[in-house]
Amino acid sequence: MSISLRSVDTTTAVAVVSDRLDLLSAAEVKSQLQAAVARGQHRLVVDLDGVPFIDSSGLGALIGALKAARVAGGDMRIARAGPQVLYVLEITMLDRVLQCHDNVEGALAYYS
């Protein structure tokens, strides 16, 4: 699993997550996203195009990052989630909380 963060501006970051988002990787993803929020980047876009699988631990990491962003006055959007990720979000009804976009640009446009 890898996560890379790039700054869009002083308050916005895009996180690209690759590989499975599960028990083994969730803590690192959550930590990296919360660190971005702590640095002032409380508007997050999480690009999940490279994530073929997510489990409850991965969902927990995303919810934890969303909560941190909202407490800091920001928000978090999901971009390019694959079929398995979208399915899990739908059956858990978290697609109502974690807003999904077809691409990173669409997710960033939310902040404009």
PDB file of N, CA and C in Angstrom:
ATOM      1  N   MET A   1       0.850  -1.166   0.000  1.00  0.00           N
ATOM      2  CA  MET A   1       0.000   0.000   0.000  1.00  0.00           C
ATOM      3  C   MET A   1       0.893   1.224   0.000  1.00  0.00           C
ATOM      4  N   SER A   2       0.450   2.223  -0.746  1.00  0.00           N
ATOM      5  CA  SER A   2       1.155   3.498  -0.701  1.00  0.00           C
ATOM      6  C   SER A   2       0.142   4.626  -0.750  1.00  0.00           C
ATOM      7  N   ILE A   3       0.536   5.731  -0.175  1.00  0.00           N
ATOM      8  CA  ILE A   3      -0.264   6.942  -0.221  1.00  0.00           C
ATOM      9  C   ILE A   3       0.687   8.090  -0.509  1.00  0.00           C
ATOM     10  N   SER A   4       0.310   8.906  -1.474  1.00  0.00           N
ATOM     11  CA  SER A   4       1.111  10.092  -1.764  1.00  0.00           C
ATOM     12  C   SER A   4       0.192  11.295  -1.728  1.00  0.00           C
ATOM     13  N   LEU A   5       0.690  12.345  -1.129  1.00  0.00           N
ATOM     14  CA  LEU A   5      -0.085  13.574  -0.989  1.00  0.00           C
ATOM     15  C   LEU A   5       0.555  14.666  -1.817  1.00  0.00           C
ATOM     16  N   ARG A   6      -0.284  15.417  -2.510  1.00  0.00           N
ATOM     17  CA  ARG A   6       0.215  16.595  -3.211  1.00  0.00           C
ATOM     18  C   ARG A   6      -0.659  17.783  -2.824  1.00  0.00           C
ATOM     19  N   SER A   7      -0.008  18.882  -2.595  1.00  0.00           N
ATOM     20  CA  SER A   7      -0.719  20.100  -2.229  1.00  0.00           C
ATOM     21  C   SER A   7      -1.284  20.765  -3.477  1.00  0.00           C
ATOM     22  N   VAL A   8      -2.525  21.172  -3.400  1.00  0.00           N
ATOM     23  CA  VAL A   8      -3.143  21.958  -4.460  1.00  0.00           C
ATOM     24  C   VAL A   8      -2.968  23.433  -4.121  1.00  0.00           C
ATOM     25  N   ASP A   9      -3.191  23.753  -2.854  1.00  0.00           N
ATOM     26  CA  ASP A   9      -2.932  25.084  -2.310  1.00  0.00           C
ATOM     27  C   ASP A   9      -2.726  24.915  -0.804  1.00  0.00           C
ATOM     28  N   THR A  10      -2.706  26.000  -0.072  1.00  0.00           N
ATOM     29  CA  THR A  10      -2.385  25.908   1.358  1.00  0.00           C
ATOM     30  C   THR A  10      -3.445  25.173   2.173  1.00  0.00           C
ATOM     31  N   THR A  11      -4.666  25.075   1.660  1.00  0.00           N
ATOM     32  CA  THR A  11      -5.731  24.420   2.422  1.00  0.00           C
ATOM     33  C   THR A  11      -6.265  23.150   1.773  1.00  0.00           C
ATOM     34  N   THR A  12      -5.740  22.787   0.598  1.00  0.00           N
ATOM     35  CA  THR A  12      -6.284  21.656  -0.157  1.00  0.00           C
ATOM     36  C   THR A  12      -5.178  20.683  -0.544  1.00  0.00           C
ATOM     37  N   ALA A  13      -5.455  19.390  -0.372  1.00  0.00           N
ATOM     38  CA  ALA A  13      -4.498  18.354  -0.763  1.00  0.00           C
ATOM     39  C   ALA A  13      -5.232  17.211  -1.457  1.00  0.00           C
ATOM     40  N   VAL A  14      -4.528  16.571  -2.378  1.00  0.00           N
ATOM     41  CA  VAL A  14      -5.025  15.373  -3.039  1.00  0.00           C
ATOM     42  C   VAL A  14      -4.160  14.206  -2.558  1.00  0.00           C
ATOM     43  N   ALA A  15      -4.810  13.171  -2.052  1.00  0.00           N
ATOM     44  CA  ALA A  15      -4.118  11.969  -1.603  1.00  0.00           C
ATOM     45  C   ALA A  15      -4.427  10.845  -2.584  1.00  0.00           C
ATOM     46  N   VAL A  16      -3.383  10.255  -3.142  1.00  0.00           N
ATOM     47  CA  VAL A  16      -3.545   9.136  -4.064  1.00  0.00           C
ATOM     48  C   VAL A  16      -3.184   7.865  -3.303  1.00  0.00           C
ATOM     49  N   VAL A  17      -4.160   6.987  -3.171  1.00  0.00           N
ATOM     50  CA  VAL A  17      -3.969   5.736  -2.435  1.00  0.00           C
ATOM     51  C   VAL A  17      -3.883   4.596  -3.440  1.00  0.00           C
ATOM     52  N   SER A  18      -2.897   3.729  -3.250  1.00  0.00           N
ATOM     53  CA  SER A  18      -2.710   2.583  -4.139  1.00  0.00           C
ATOM     54  C   SER A  18      -2.723   1.295  -3.325  1.00  0.00           C
ATOM     55  N   ASP A  19      -3.275   0.272  -3.911  1.00  0.00           N
ATOM     56  CA  ASP A  19      -3.338  -1.069  -3.348  1.00  0.00           C
ATOM     57  C   ASP A  19      -4.522  -1.196  -2.384  1.00  0.00           C
ATOM     58  N   ARG A  20      -4.599  -2.284  -1.682  1.00  0.00           N
ATOM     59  CA  ARG A  20      -5.729  -2.581  -0.801  1.00  0.00           C
ATOM     60  C   ARG A  20      -5.785  -1.600   0.373  1.00  0.00           C
ATOM     61  N   LEU A  21      -6.987  -1.184   0.707  1.00  0.00           N
ATOM     62  CA  LEU A  21      -7.202  -0.334   1.879  1.00  0.00           C
ATOM     63  C   LEU A  21      -7.908  -1.215   2.906  1.00  0.00           C
ATOM     64  N   ASP A  22      -7.090  -1.873   3.721  1.00  0.00           N
ATOM     65  CA  ASP A  22      -7.608  -2.882   4.648  1.00  0.00           C
ATOM     66  C   ASP A  22      -6.915  -2.753   5.999  1.00  0.00           C
ATOM     67  N   LEU A  23      -7.083  -3.753   6.819  1.00  0.00           N
ATOM     68  CA  LEU A  23      -6.536  -3.745   8.176  1.00  0.00           C
ATOM     69  C   LEU A  23      -5.048  -3.421   8.204  1.00  0.00           C
ATOM     70  N   LEU A  24      -4.310  -3.915   7.227  1.00  0.00           N
ATOM     71  CA  LEU A  24      -2.860  -3.712   7.209  1.00  0.00           C
ATOM     72  C   LEU A  24      -2.446  -2.297   6.818  1.00  0.00           C
ATOM     73  N   SER A  25      -3.275  -1.598   6.079  1.00  0.00           N
ATOM     74  CA  SER A  25      -2.889  -0.277   5.569  1.00  0.00           C
ATOM     75  C   SER A  25      -3.714   0.882   6.122  1.00  0.00           C
ATOM     76  N   ALA A  26      -4.828   0.593   6.751  1.00  0.00           N
ATOM     77  CA  ALA A  26      -5.764   1.638   7.167  1.00  0.00           C
ATOM     78  C   ALA A  26      -5.141   2.643   8.136  1.00  0.00           C
ATOM     79  N   ALA A  27      -4.371   2.175   9.091  1.00  0.00           N
ATOM     80  CA  ALA A  27      -3.791   3.085  10.084  1.00  0.00           C
ATOM     81  C   ALA A  27      -2.857   4.102   9.425  1.00  0.00           C
ATOM     82  N   GLU A  28      -2.072   3.655   8.457  1.00  0.00           N
ATOM     83  CA  GLU A  28      -1.156   4.569   7.764  1.00  0.00           C
ATOM     84  C   GLU A  28      -1.915   5.603   6.940  1.00  0.00           C
ATOM     85  N   VAL A  29      -2.954   5.176   6.248  1.00  0.00           N
ATOM     86  CA  VAL A  29      -3.766   6.107   5.456  1.00  0.00           C
ATOM     87  C   VAL A  29      -4.408   7.145   6.369  1.00  0.00           C
ATOM     88  N   LYS A  30      -5.006   6.681   7.435  1.00  0.00           N
ATOM     89  CA  LYS A  30      -5.645   7.600   8.384  1.00  0.00           C
ATOM     90  C   LYS A  30      -4.626   8.583   8.951  1.00  0.00           C
ATOM     91  N   SER A  31      -3.472   8.086   9.334  1.00  0.00           N
ATOM     92  CA  SER A  31      -2.416   8.927   9.895  1.00  0.00           C
ATOM     93  C   SER A  31      -1.960   9.998   8.902  1.00  0.00           C
ATOM     94  N   GLN A  32      -1.738   9.604   7.649  1.00  0.00           N
ATOM     95  CA  GLN A  32      -1.282  10.552   6.630  1.00  0.00           C
ATOM     96  C   GLN A  32      -2.344  11.630   6.349  1.00  0.00           C
ATOM     97  N   LEU A  33      -3.590  11.221   6.273  1.00  0.00           N
ATOM     98  CA  LEU A  33      -4.663  12.184   6.007  1.00  0.00           C
ATOM     99  C   LEU A  33      -4.855  13.133   7.191  1.00  0.00           C
ATOM    100  N   GLN A  34      -4.809  12.602   8.402  1.00  0.00           N
ATOM    101  CA  GLN A  34      -4.948  13.467   9.575  1.00  0.00           C
ATOM    102  C   GLN A  34      -3.750  14.404   9.709  1.00  0.00           C
ATOM    103  N   ALA A  35      -2.572  13.967   9.306  1.00  0.00           N
ATOM    104  CA  ALA A  35      -1.390  14.836   9.336  1.00  0.00           C
ATOM    105  C   ALA A  35      -1.556  15.990   8.351  1.00  0.00           C
ATOM    106  N   ALA A  36      -2.131  15.712   7.197  1.00  0.00           N
ATOM    107  CA  ALA A  36      -2.391  16.784   6.224  1.00  0.00           C
ATOM    108  C   ALA A  36      -3.344  17.816   6.819  1.00  0.00           C
ATOM    109  N   VAL A  37      -4.380  17.341   7.483  1.00  0.00           N
ATOM    110  CA  VAL A  37      -5.336  18.253   8.129  1.00  0.00           C
ATOM    111  C   VAL A  37      -4.627  19.065   9.211  1.00  0.00           C
ATOM    112  N   ALA A  38      -3.788  18.436   9.984  1.00  0.00           N
ATOM    113  CA  ALA A  38      -3.055  19.135  11.049  1.00  0.00           C
ATOM    114  C   ALA A  38      -2.134  20.214  10.476  1.00  0.00           C
ATOM    115  N   ARG A  39      -1.662  20.019   9.240  1.00  0.00           N
ATOM    116  CA  ARG A  39      -0.821  21.031   8.579  1.00  0.00           C
ATOM    117  C   ARG A  39      -1.646  22.158   7.974  1.00  0.00           C
ATOM    118  N   GLY A  40      -2.968  22.072   8.093  1.00  0.00           N
ATOM    119  CA  GLY A  40      -3.829  23.129   7.574  1.00  0.00           C
ATOM    120  C   GLY A  40      -4.529  22.786   6.277  1.00  0.00           C
ATOM    121  N   GLN A  41      -4.288  21.598   5.763  1.00  0.00           N
ATOM    122  CA  GLN A  41      -4.942  21.177   4.529  1.00  0.00           C
ATOM    123  C   GLN A  41      -6.210  20.411   4.886  1.00  0.00           C
ATOM    124  N   HIS A  42      -7.223  21.175   5.286  1.00  0.00           N
ATOM    125  CA  HIS A  42      -8.458  20.573   5.775  1.00  0.00           C
ATOM    126  C   HIS A  42      -9.485  20.314   4.666  1.00  0.00           C
ATOM    127  N   ARG A  43      -9.103  20.590   3.425  1.00  0.00           N
ATOM    128  CA  ARG A  43      -9.941  20.250   2.272  1.00  0.00           C
ATOM    129  C   ARG A  43      -9.202  19.139   1.519  1.00  0.00           C
ATOM    130  N   LEU A  44      -9.725  17.923   1.626  1.00  0.00           N
ATOM    131  CA  LEU A  44      -9.048  16.750   1.087  1.00  0.00           C
ATOM    132  C   LEU A  44      -9.819  16.123  -0.064  1.00  0.00           C
ATOM    133  N   VAL A  45      -9.076  15.618  -1.023  1.00  0.00           N
ATOM    134  CA  VAL A  45      -9.612  14.745  -2.064  1.00  0.00           C
ATOM    135  C   VAL A  45      -8.801  13.463  -1.989  1.00  0.00           C
ATOM    136  N   VAL A  46      -9.482  12.341  -1.857  1.00  0.00           N
ATOM    137  CA  VAL A  46      -8.806  11.045  -1.778  1.00  0.00           C
ATOM    138  C   VAL A  46      -9.093  10.279  -3.070  1.00  0.00           C
ATOM    139  N   ASP A  47      -8.056  10.113  -3.866  1.00  0.00           N
ATOM    140  CA  ASP A  47      -8.142   9.425  -5.158  1.00  0.00           C
ATOM    141  C   ASP A  47      -7.961   7.922  -4.908  1.00  0.00           C
ATOM    142  N   LEU A  48      -9.026   7.159  -5.133  1.00  0.00           N
ATOM    143  CA  LEU A  48      -9.014   5.727  -4.853  1.00  0.00           C
ATOM    144  C   LEU A  48      -8.953   4.877  -6.123  1.00  0.00           C
ATOM    145  N   ASP A  49      -8.505   5.455  -7.223  1.00  0.00           N
ATOM    146  CA  ASP A  49      -8.441   4.716  -8.481  1.00  0.00           C
ATOM    147  C   ASP A  49      -7.568   3.467  -8.366  1.00  0.00           C
ATOM    148  N   GLY A  50      -6.525   3.526  -7.583  1.00  0.00           N
ATOM    149  CA  GLY A  50      -5.612   2.389  -7.431  1.00  0.00           C
ATOM    150  C   GLY A  50      -5.979   1.443  -6.308  1.00  0.00           C
ATOM    151  N   VAL A  51      -7.187   1.558  -5.765  1.00  0.00           N
ATOM    152  CA  VAL A  51      -7.622   0.710  -4.646  1.00  0.00           C
ATOM    153  C   VAL A  51      -8.621  -0.326  -5.158  1.00  0.00           C
ATOM    154  N   PRO A  52      -8.184  -1.584  -5.296  1.00  0.00           N
ATOM    155  CA  PRO A  52      -9.101  -2.611  -5.793  1.00  0.00           C
ATOM    156  C   PRO A  52     -10.008  -3.197  -4.715  1.00  0.00           C
ATOM    157  N   PHE A  53      -9.663  -2.942  -3.435  1.00  0.00           N
ATOM    158  CA  PHE A  53     -10.400  -3.573  -2.335  1.00  0.00           C
ATOM    159  C   PHE A  53     -10.367  -2.672  -1.109  1.00  0.00           C
ATOM    160  N   ILE A  54     -11.520  -2.571  -0.440  1.00  0.00           N
ATOM    161  CA  ILE A  54     -11.601  -1.845   0.830  1.00  0.00           C
ATOM    162  C   ILE A  54     -12.418  -2.688   1.799  1.00  0.00           C
ATOM    163  N   ASP A  55     -12.018  -2.683   3.072  1.00  0.00           N
ATOM    164  CA  ASP A  55     -12.782  -3.399   4.094  1.00  0.00           C
ATOM    165  C   ASP A  55     -13.204  -2.405   5.175  1.00  0.00           C
ATOM    166  N   SER A  56     -13.735  -2.912   6.273  1.00  0.00           N
ATOM    167  CA  SER A  56     -14.243  -2.037   7.328  1.00  0.00           C
ATOM    168  C   SER A  56     -13.142  -1.179   7.945  1.00  0.00           C
ATOM    169  N   SER A  57     -11.937  -1.695   8.014  1.00  0.00           N
ATOM    170  CA  SER A  57     -10.825  -0.903   8.544  1.00  0.00           C
ATOM    171  C   SER A  57     -10.517   0.267   7.622  1.00  0.00           C
ATOM    172  N   GLY A  58     -10.559   0.023   6.329  1.00  0.00           N
ATOM    173  CA  GLY A  58     -10.349   1.092   5.359  1.00  0.00           C
ATOM    174  C   GLY A  58     -11.443   2.139   5.436  1.00  0.00           C
ATOM    175  N   LEU A  59     -12.682   1.686   5.592  1.00  0.00           N
ATOM    176  CA  LEU A  59     -13.792   2.631   5.755  1.00  0.00           C
ATOM    177  C   LEU A  59     -13.589   3.473   7.014  1.00  0.00           C
ATOM    178  N   GLY A  60     -13.144   2.827   8.072  1.00  0.00           N
ATOM    179  CA  GLY A  60     -12.892   3.547   9.320  1.00  0.00           C
ATOM    180  C   GLY A  60     -11.824   4.612   9.156  1.00  0.00           C
ATOM    181  N   ALA A  61     -10.795   4.307   8.382  1.00  0.00           N
ATOM    182  CA  ALA A  61      -9.737   5.290   8.127  1.00  0.00           C
ATOM    183  C   ALA A  61     -10.284   6.495   7.380  1.00  0.00           C
ATOM    184  N   LEU A  62     -11.127   6.243   6.380  1.00  0.00           N
ATOM    185  CA  LEU A  62     -11.713   7.353   5.620  1.00  0.00           C
ATOM    186  C   LEU A  62     -12.652   8.188   6.489  1.00  0.00           C
ATOM    187  N   ILE A  63     -13.459   7.530   7.306  1.00  0.00           N
ATOM    188  CA  ILE A  63     -14.377   8.255   8.195  1.00  0.00           C
ATOM    189  C   ILE A  63     -13.583   9.065   9.219  1.00  0.00           C
ATOM    190  N   GLY A  64     -12.505   8.510   9.742  1.00  0.00           N
ATOM    191  CA  GLY A  64     -11.659   9.241  10.689  1.00  0.00           C
ATOM    192  C   GLY A  64     -11.052  10.483  10.065  1.00  0.00           C
ATOM    193  N   ALA A  65     -10.609  10.364   8.824  1.00  0.00           N
ATOM    194  CA  ALA A  65     -10.046  11.520   8.116  1.00  0.00           C
ATOM    195  C   ALA A  65     -11.125  12.552   7.812  1.00  0.00           C
ATOM    196  N   LEU A  66     -12.307  12.088   7.438  1.00  0.00           N
ATOM    197  CA  LEU A  66     -13.422  13.004   7.186  1.00  0.00           C
ATOM    198  C   LEU A  66     -13.760  13.788   8.451  1.00  0.00           C
ATOM    199  N   LYS A  67     -13.820  13.095   9.564  1.00  0.00           N
ATOM    200  CA  LYS A  67     -14.133  13.750  10.835  1.00  0.00           C
ATOM    201  C   LYS A  67     -13.075  14.801  11.173  1.00  0.00           C
ATOM    202  N   ALA A  68     -11.797  14.458  11.006  1.00  0.00           N
ATOM    203  CA  ALA A  68     -10.725  15.414  11.286  1.00  0.00           C
ATOM    204  C   ALA A  68     -10.848  16.642  10.393  1.00  0.00           C
ATOM    205  N   ALA A  69     -11.137  16.419   9.116  1.00  0.00           N
ATOM    206  CA  ALA A  69     -11.279  17.539   8.182  1.00  0.00           C
ATOM    207  C   ALA A  69     -12.454  18.429   8.574  1.00  0.00           C
ATOM    208  N   ARG A  70     -13.571  17.835   8.924  1.00  0.00           N
ATOM    209  CA  ARG A  70     -14.754  18.628   9.283  1.00  0.00           C
ATOM    210  C   ARG A  70     -14.557  19.376  10.601  1.00  0.00           C
ATOM    211  N   VAL A  71     -13.899  18.761  11.559  1.00  0.00           N
ATOM    212  CA  VAL A  71     -13.607  19.445  12.828  1.00  0.00           C
ATOM    213  C   VAL A  71     -12.730  20.673  12.570  1.00  0.00           C
ATOM    214  N   ALA A  72     -11.858  20.580  11.574  1.00  0.00           N
ATOM    215  CA  ALA A  72     -10.964  21.689  11.224  1.00  0.00           C
ATOM    216  C   ALA A  72     -11.634  22.710  10.313  1.00  0.00           C
ATOM    217  N   GLY A  73     -12.909  22.504  10.004  1.00  0.00           N
ATOM    218  CA  GLY A  73     -13.636  23.459   9.165  1.00  0.00           C
ATOM    219  C   GLY A  73     -13.609  23.140   7.687  1.00  0.00           C
ATOM    220  N   GLY A  74     -13.175  21.927   7.335  1.00  0.00           N
ATOM    221  CA  GLY A  74     -13.076  21.538   5.933  1.00  0.00           C
ATOM    222  C   GLY A  74     -13.998  20.392   5.595  1.00  0.00           C
ATOM    223  N   ASP A  75     -13.573  19.588   4.629  1.00  0.00           N
ATOM    224  CA  ASP A  75     -14.360  18.451   4.185  1.00  0.00           C
ATOM    225  C   ASP A  75     -13.431  17.493   3.444  1.00  0.00           C
ATOM    226  N   MET A  76     -13.966  16.355   3.054  1.00  0.00           N
ATOM    227  CA  MET A  76     -13.204  15.378   2.297  1.00  0.00           C
ATOM    228  C   MET A  76     -14.101  14.800   1.220  1.00  0.00           C
ATOM    229  N   ARG A  77     -13.549  14.626   0.038  1.00  0.00           N
ATOM    230  CA  ARG A  77     -14.261  14.043  -1.093  1.00  0.00           C
ATOM    231  C   ARG A  77     -13.478  12.845  -1.611  1.00  0.00           C
ATOM    232  N   ILE A  78     -14.200  11.889  -2.177  1.00  0.00           N
ATOM    233  CA  ILE A  78     -13.598  10.698  -2.768  1.00  0.00           C
ATOM    234  C   ILE A  78     -13.632  10.869  -4.285  1.00  0.00           C
ATOM    235  N   ALA A  79     -12.540  10.486  -4.952  1.00  0.00           N
ATOM    236  CA  ALA A  79     -12.487  10.544  -6.409  1.00  0.00           C
ATOM    237  C   ALA A  79     -12.099   9.177  -6.967  1.00  0.00           C
ATOM    238  N   ARG A  80     -12.671   8.845  -8.105  1.00  0.00           N
ATOM    239  CA  ARG A  80     -12.306   7.684  -8.915  1.00  0.00           C
ATOM    240  C   ARG A  80     -12.343   6.357  -8.166  1.00  0.00           C
ATOM    241  N   ALA A  81     -13.348   6.170  -7.347  1.00  0.00           N
ATOM    242  CA  ALA A  81     -13.495   4.890  -6.637  1.00  0.00           C
ATOM    243  C   ALA A  81     -13.914   3.807  -7.620  1.00  0.00           C
ATOM    244  N   GLY A  82     -13.311   2.639  -7.485  1.00  0.00           N
ATOM    245  CA  GLY A  82     -13.625   1.514  -8.365  1.00  0.00           C
ATOM    246  C   GLY A  82     -14.899   0.797  -7.955  1.00  0.00           C
ATOM    247  N   PRO A  83     -15.286  -0.203  -8.733  1.00  0.00           N
ATOM    248  CA  PRO A  83     -16.558  -0.903  -8.492  1.00  0.00           C
ATOM    249  C   PRO A  83     -16.684  -1.524  -7.104  1.00  0.00           C
ATOM    250  N   GLN A  84     -15.646  -2.176  -6.617  1.00  0.00           N
ATOM    251  CA  GLN A  84     -15.736  -2.823  -5.298  1.00  0.00           C
ATOM    252  C   GLN A  84     -15.873  -1.778  -4.205  1.00  0.00           C
ATOM    253  N   VAL A  85     -15.116  -0.700  -4.309  1.00  0.00           N
ATOM    254  CA  VAL A  85     -15.185   0.366  -3.305  1.00  0.00           C
ATOM    255  C   VAL A  85     -16.567   1.004  -3.330  1.00  0.00           C
ATOM    256  N   LEU A  86     -17.071   1.315  -4.514  1.00  0.00           N
ATOM    257  CA  LEU A  86     -18.408   1.909  -4.614  1.00  0.00           C
ATOM    258  C   LEU A  86     -19.471   0.975  -4.044  1.00  0.00           C
ATOM    259  N   TYR A  87     -19.338  -0.312  -4.318  1.00  0.00           N
ATOM    260  CA  TYR A  87     -20.299  -1.287  -3.794  1.00  0.00           C
ATOM    261  C   TYR A  87     -20.300  -1.289  -2.270  1.00  0.00           C
ATOM    262  N   VAL A  88     -19.124  -1.309  -1.674  1.00  0.00           N
ATOM    263  CA  VAL A  88     -19.028  -1.320  -0.208  1.00  0.00           C
ATOM    264  C   VAL A  88     -19.600  -0.019   0.363  1.00  0.00           C
ATOM    265  N   LEU A  89     -19.309   1.102  -0.266  1.00  0.00           N
ATOM    266  CA  LEU A  89     -19.866   2.375   0.206  1.00  0.00           C
ATOM    267  C   LEU A  89     -21.395   2.359   0.126  1.00  0.00           C
ATOM    268  N   GLU A  90     -21.926   1.791  -0.953  1.00  0.00           N
ATOM    269  CA  GLU A  90     -23.380   1.741  -1.116  1.00  0.00           C
ATOM    270  C   GLU A  90     -24.045   0.823  -0.097  1.00  0.00           C
ATOM    271  N   ILE A  91     -23.517  -0.392   0.099  1.00  0.00           N
ATOM    272  CA  ILE A  91     -24.199  -1.327   1.003  1.00  0.00           C
ATOM    273  C   ILE A  91     -24.077  -0.895   2.464  1.00  0.00           C
ATOM    274  N   THR A  92     -23.075  -0.091   2.775  1.00  0.00           N
ATOM    275  CA  THR A  92     -22.939   0.424   4.140  1.00  0.00           C
ATOM    276  C   THR A  92     -23.613   1.792   4.291  1.00  0.00           C
ATOM    277  N   MET A  93     -24.142   2.292   3.192  1.00  0.00           N
ATOM    278  CA  MET A  93     -24.775   3.615   3.124  1.00  0.00           C
ATOM    279  C   MET A  93     -23.798   4.753   3.412  1.00  0.00           C
ATOM    280  N   LEU A  94     -22.523   4.481   3.349  1.00  0.00           N
ATOM    281  CA  LEU A  94     -21.533   5.526   3.558  1.00  0.00           C
ATOM    282  C   LEU A  94     -21.359   6.400   2.324  1.00  0.00           C
ATOM    283  N   ASP A  95     -21.968   5.995   1.196  1.00  0.00           N
ATOM    284  CA  ASP A  95     -21.938   6.851   0.015  1.00  0.00           C
ATOM    285  C   ASP A  95     -22.726   8.142   0.262  1.00  0.00           C
ATOM    286  N   ARG A  96     -23.540   8.148   1.303  1.00  0.00           N
ATOM    287  CA  ARG A  96     -24.283   9.365   1.676  1.00  0.00           C
ATOM    288  C   ARG A  96     -23.407  10.320   2.476  1.00  0.00           C
ATOM    289  N   VAL A  97     -22.363   9.796   3.075  1.00  0.00           N
ATOM    290  CA  VAL A  97     -21.461  10.591   3.906  1.00  0.00           C
ATOM    291  C   VAL A  97     -20.171  10.916   3.160  1.00  0.00           C
ATOM    292  N   LEU A  98     -19.620   9.916   2.494  1.00  0.00           N
ATOM    293  CA  LEU A  98     -18.400  10.095   1.707  1.00  0.00           C
ATOM    294  C   LEU A  98     -18.804  10.371   0.263  1.00  0.00           C
ATOM    295  N   GLN A  99     -18.806  11.627  -0.102  1.00  0.00           N
ATOM    296  CA  GLN A  99     -19.249  12.044  -1.432  1.00  0.00           C
ATOM    297  C   GLN A  99     -18.233  11.619  -2.489  1.00  0.00           C
ATOM    298  N   CYS A 100     -18.717  10.907  -3.509  1.00  0.00           N
ATOM    299  CA  CYS A 100     -17.848  10.384  -4.560  1.00  0.00           C
ATOM    300  C   CYS A 100     -17.977  11.201  -5.838  1.00  0.00           C
ATOM    301  N   HIS A 101     -16.850  11.346  -6.512  1.00  0.00           N
ATOM    302  CA  HIS A 101     -16.786  12.054  -7.792  1.00  0.00           C
ATOM    303  C   HIS A 101     -16.094  11.159  -8.811  1.00  0.00           C
ATOM    304  N   ASP A 102     -16.425  11.370 -10.078  1.00  0.00           N
ATOM    305  CA  ASP A 102     -15.846  10.551 -11.147  1.00  0.00           C
ATOM    306  C   ASP A 102     -14.362  10.814 -11.358  1.00  0.00           C
ATOM    307  N   ASN A 103     -13.918  12.020 -11.023  1.00  0.00           N
ATOM    308  CA  ASN A 103     -12.517  12.371 -11.237  1.00  0.00           C
ATOM    309  C   ASN A 103     -12.051  13.366 -10.184  1.00  0.00           C
ATOM    310  N   VAL A 104     -10.747  13.557 -10.118  1.00  0.00           N
ATOM    311  CA  VAL A 104     -10.161  14.460  -9.123  1.00  0.00           C
ATOM    312  C   VAL A 104     -10.598  15.897  -9.383  1.00  0.00           C
ATOM    313  N   GLU A 105     -10.648  16.273 -10.646  1.00  0.00           N
ATOM    314  CA  GLU A 105     -11.029  17.644 -10.985  1.00  0.00           C
ATOM    315  C   GLU A 105     -12.441  17.974 -10.497  1.00  0.00           C
ATOM    316  N   GLY A 106     -13.353  17.025 -10.643  1.00  0.00           N
ATOM    317  CA  GLY A 106     -14.724  17.222 -10.172  1.00  0.00           C
ATOM    318  C   GLY A 106     -14.784  17.356  -8.659  1.00  0.00           C
ATOM    319  N   ALA A 107     -13.965  16.586  -7.966  1.00  0.00           N
ATOM    320  CA  ALA A 107     -13.927  16.674  -6.509  1.00  0.00           C
ATOM    321  C   ALA A 107     -13.322  18.014  -6.072  1.00  0.00           C
ATOM    322  N   LEU A 108     -12.280  18.436  -6.766  1.00  0.00           N
ATOM    323  CA  LEU A 108     -11.672  19.742  -6.427  1.00  0.00           C
ATOM    324  C   LEU A 108     -12.612  20.898  -6.722  1.00  0.00           C
ATOM    325  N   ALA A 109     -13.437  20.752  -7.753  1.00  0.00           N
ATOM    326  CA  ALA A 109     -14.381  21.812  -8.109  1.00  0.00           C
ATOM    327  C   ALA A 109     -15.365  22.077  -6.986  1.00  0.00           C
ATOM    328  N   TYR A 110     -15.639  21.071  -6.177  1.00  0.00           N
ATOM    329  CA  TYR A 110     -16.529  21.254  -5.024  1.00  0.00           C
ATOM    330  C   TYR A 110     -16.016  22.363  -4.107  1.00  0.00           C
ATOM    331  N   TYR A 111     -14.712  22.511  -4.012  1.00  0.00           N
ATOM    332  CA  TYR A 111     -14.111  23.494  -3.117  1.00  0.00           C
ATOM    333  C   TYR A 111     -14.011  24.887  -3.740  1.00  0.00           C
ATOM    334  N   SER A 112     -14.320  25.005  -4.996  1.00  0.00           N
ATOM    335  CA  SER A 112     -14.213  26.311  -5.673  1.00  0.00           C
ATOM    336  C   SER A 112     -15.351  27.228  -5.352  1.00  0.00           C
TER     337      SER A 112
END
